[in-house]
Amino acid sequence: MSEHLLDSENWKLEAEAVIKDVRDHVKTLIVCEKLTSNNSRVYLNLVTNEERTFCVELSALGFRIVGNKFDTNDLNSEEYFETPYSLLDTISLSYKDSFAGALQKKLETLRKHLSKSYDLTCDPALPTEFFVEASYLSLLLFFMKEDL
């Protein structure tokens, strides 16, 4: 796999997309300004909800912890994570709960919206797929509540 998939600006854009995606599940996640990004990597400073601090490298190989403090690249870990989710799942105990809670809220909002928009018991004009999706959503919410 080539490590030069993006230029340094596009790596920063990729990092910003990651930050936007997981920012509600961490205390802090920002692009590192002290370590230089290039056409093969960008660095992120991360604080988990448990107050654990890391410097993380994002490259074509994935996410890798390179420091236990902001702006440091002094760890020689060869462990890469394919996604920010797998990284957070490994280093943050509260990540799963935070992510599951956010997903549950979104699903509940969708269920309420669907319930208000349609009387599910009386509208024969609704396609069968709608009832299958609504039933699946209800089951998913039920099991999520049981697990939490």
Protein backbone atom coordinates (compact mmCIF):
# COMPACT_ATOMS: atom_id res chain seq x y z
CA MET A 1 0.00 0.00 0.00
CA SER A 2 1.39 3.38 -0.94
CA GLU A 3 1.79 5.82 1.92
CA HIS A 4 1.61 8.87 -0.39
CA LEU A 5 -2.11 8.85 -1.16
CA LEU A 6 -2.76 12.50 -0.24
CA ASP A 7 -0.83 15.75 -0.08
CA SER A 8 -0.35 17.45 3.30
CA GLU A 9 -3.42 19.68 2.88
CA ASN A 10 -5.64 16.73 2.01
CA TRP A 11 -4.31 14.82 5.02
CA LYS A 12 -5.42 17.76 7.15
CA LEU A 13 -8.85 17.65 5.49
CA GLU A 14 -9.03 13.92 6.22
CA ALA A 15 -8.11 14.63 9.85
CA GLU A 16 -10.84 17.29 10.08
CA ALA A 17 -13.40 14.77 8.81
CA VAL A 18 -12.29 12.29 11.50
CA ILE A 19 -12.50 15.00 14.15
CA LYS A 20 -16.03 15.92 13.08
CA ASP A 21 -17.06 12.27 13.14
CA VAL A 22 -15.90 11.41 16.67
CA ARG A 23 -15.71 14.74 18.50
CA ASP A 24 -18.82 14.01 20.58
CA HIS A 25 -17.15 10.89 21.99
CA VAL A 26 -13.86 12.42 23.19
CA LYS A 27 -12.87 15.43 25.31
CA THR A 28 -10.43 16.84 22.76
CA LEU A 29 -9.32 15.93 19.26
CA ILE A 30 -7.36 18.48 17.24
CA VAL A 31 -4.82 18.55 14.44
CA CYS A 32 -1.34 18.79 15.90
CA GLU A 33 0.35 22.04 14.86
CA LYS A 34 3.82 21.31 16.26
CA LEU A 35 4.49 18.06 14.41
CA THR A 36 4.70 18.60 10.67
CA SER A 37 2.13 16.99 8.42
CA ASN A 38 3.33 15.83 5.02
CA ASN A 39 2.11 13.88 2.02
CA SER A 40 2.05 10.62 3.99
CA ARG A 41 0.68 11.54 7.43
CA VAL A 42 -0.92 14.01 9.78
CA TYR A 43 -0.81 14.07 13.57
CA LEU A 44 -3.72 14.49 15.98
CA ASN A 45 -3.76 15.40 19.66
CA LEU A 46 -6.37 13.43 21.58
CA VAL A 47 -7.81 13.48 25.10
CA THR A 48 -10.28 10.68 25.87
CA ASN A 49 -13.27 11.10 28.18
CA GLU A 50 -11.17 9.37 30.83
CA GLU A 51 -8.57 12.19 30.55
CA ARG A 52 -5.98 9.99 28.83
CA THR A 53 -3.75 12.01 26.48
CA PHE A 54 -2.28 10.78 23.18
CA CYS A 55 -0.65 11.95 20.01
CA VAL A 56 -1.96 9.90 17.08
CA GLU A 57 -0.56 9.54 13.59
CA LEU A 58 -3.07 9.20 10.72
CA SER A 59 -1.60 7.72 7.55
CA ALA A 60 -2.59 5.41 4.71
CA LEU A 61 -1.84 2.53 7.11
CA GLY A 62 -4.43 3.81 9.60
CA PHE A 63 -4.26 5.32 13.08
CA ARG A 64 -1.24 4.75 15.32
CA ILE A 65 -0.45 6.05 18.80
CA VAL A 66 2.92 7.80 18.61
CA GLY A 67 2.96 9.62 21.96
CA ASN A 68 1.37 9.77 25.41
CA LYS A 69 1.43 13.59 25.41
CA PHE A 70 0.35 16.23 22.94
CA ASP A 71 2.80 17.01 20.15
CA THR A 72 5.06 14.02 20.81
CA ASN A 73 6.29 11.30 18.51
CA ASP A 74 8.38 9.18 20.85
CA LEU A 75 6.62 5.79 20.84
CA ASN A 76 7.62 3.12 18.32
CA SER A 77 4.32 1.25 18.20
CA GLU A 78 3.69 -0.87 15.12
CA GLU A 79 0.01 -1.32 16.03
CA TYR A 80 -2.24 0.38 13.50
CA PHE A 81 -6.02 0.77 13.76
CA GLU A 82 -8.07 0.83 10.57
CA THR A 83 -10.59 3.34 11.86
CA PRO A 84 -10.86 5.98 14.58
CA TYR A 85 -13.60 3.81 16.09
CA SER A 86 -11.31 0.81 16.55
CA LEU A 87 -8.64 3.07 18.07
CA LEU A 88 -11.11 4.64 20.51
CA ASP A 89 -12.64 1.28 21.31
CA THR A 90 -9.18 0.13 22.44
CA ILE A 91 -8.07 3.17 24.46
CA SER A 92 -11.34 4.59 25.85
CA LEU A 93 -13.70 2.57 28.03
CA SER A 94 -16.45 5.18 27.73
CA TYR A 95 -16.32 5.36 23.92
CA LYS A 96 -18.72 2.44 23.37
CA ASP A 97 -21.26 3.87 25.81
CA SER A 98 -20.99 7.33 24.31
CA PHE A 99 -21.36 6.06 20.76
CA ALA A 100 -24.24 3.71 21.66
CA GLY A 101 -26.03 6.49 23.53
CA ALA A 102 -25.73 8.86 20.58
CA LEU A 103 -26.97 6.17 18.19
CA GLN A 104 -29.88 5.36 20.47
CA LYS A 105 -30.89 9.05 20.60
CA LYS A 106 -30.82 9.31 16.81
CA LEU A 107 -32.84 6.12 16.39
CA GLU A 108 -35.37 7.26 18.99
CA THR A 109 -35.73 10.62 17.22
CA LEU A 110 -36.26 8.80 13.92
CA ARG A 111 -38.82 6.47 15.50
CA LYS A 112 -40.74 9.42 16.96
CA HIS A 113 -40.65 11.21 13.62
CA LEU A 114 -41.94 8.11 11.83
CA SER A 115 -44.66 7.62 14.45
CA LYS A 116 -45.86 11.22 14.03
CA SER A 117 -45.65 11.11 10.26
CA TYR A 118 -47.57 7.88 9.76
CA ASP A 119 -50.29 5.99 11.53
CA LEU A 120 -48.60 2.63 11.14
CA THR A 121 -51.77 0.67 11.78
CA CYS A 122 -54.11 2.30 9.27
CA ASP A 123 -52.34 3.31 6.08
CA PRO A 124 -52.56 0.57 3.42
CA ALA A 125 -50.89 2.94 0.94
CA LEU A 126 -47.53 2.63 2.70
CA PRO A 127 -45.16 0.19 1.00
CA THR A 128 -44.36 -3.10 2.72
CA GLU A 129 -40.70 -2.04 2.96
CA PHE A 130 -41.72 0.81 5.25
CA PHE A 131 -43.31 -1.58 7.73
CA VAL A 132 -40.26 -3.84 7.65
CA GLU A 133 -37.95 -0.86 8.31
CA ALA A 134 -40.19 0.48 11.09
CA SER A 135 -40.35 -2.98 12.71
CA TYR A 136 -36.60 -3.39 12.44
CA LEU A 137 -36.06 0.03 14.00
CA SER A 138 -38.39 -0.82 16.89
CA LEU A 139 -36.58 -4.12 17.53
CA LEU A 140 -33.19 -2.42 17.38
CA LEU A 141 -34.27 0.19 19.92
CA PHE A 142 -35.70 -2.51 22.17
CA PHE A 143 -32.47 -4.53 22.20
CA MET A 144 -30.30 -1.44 22.63
CA LYS A 145 -32.29 -0.48 25.72
CA GLU A 146 -31.88 -4.01 27.07
CA ASP A 147 -28.08 -3.88 26.60
CA LEU A 148 -27.63 -0.43 28.17
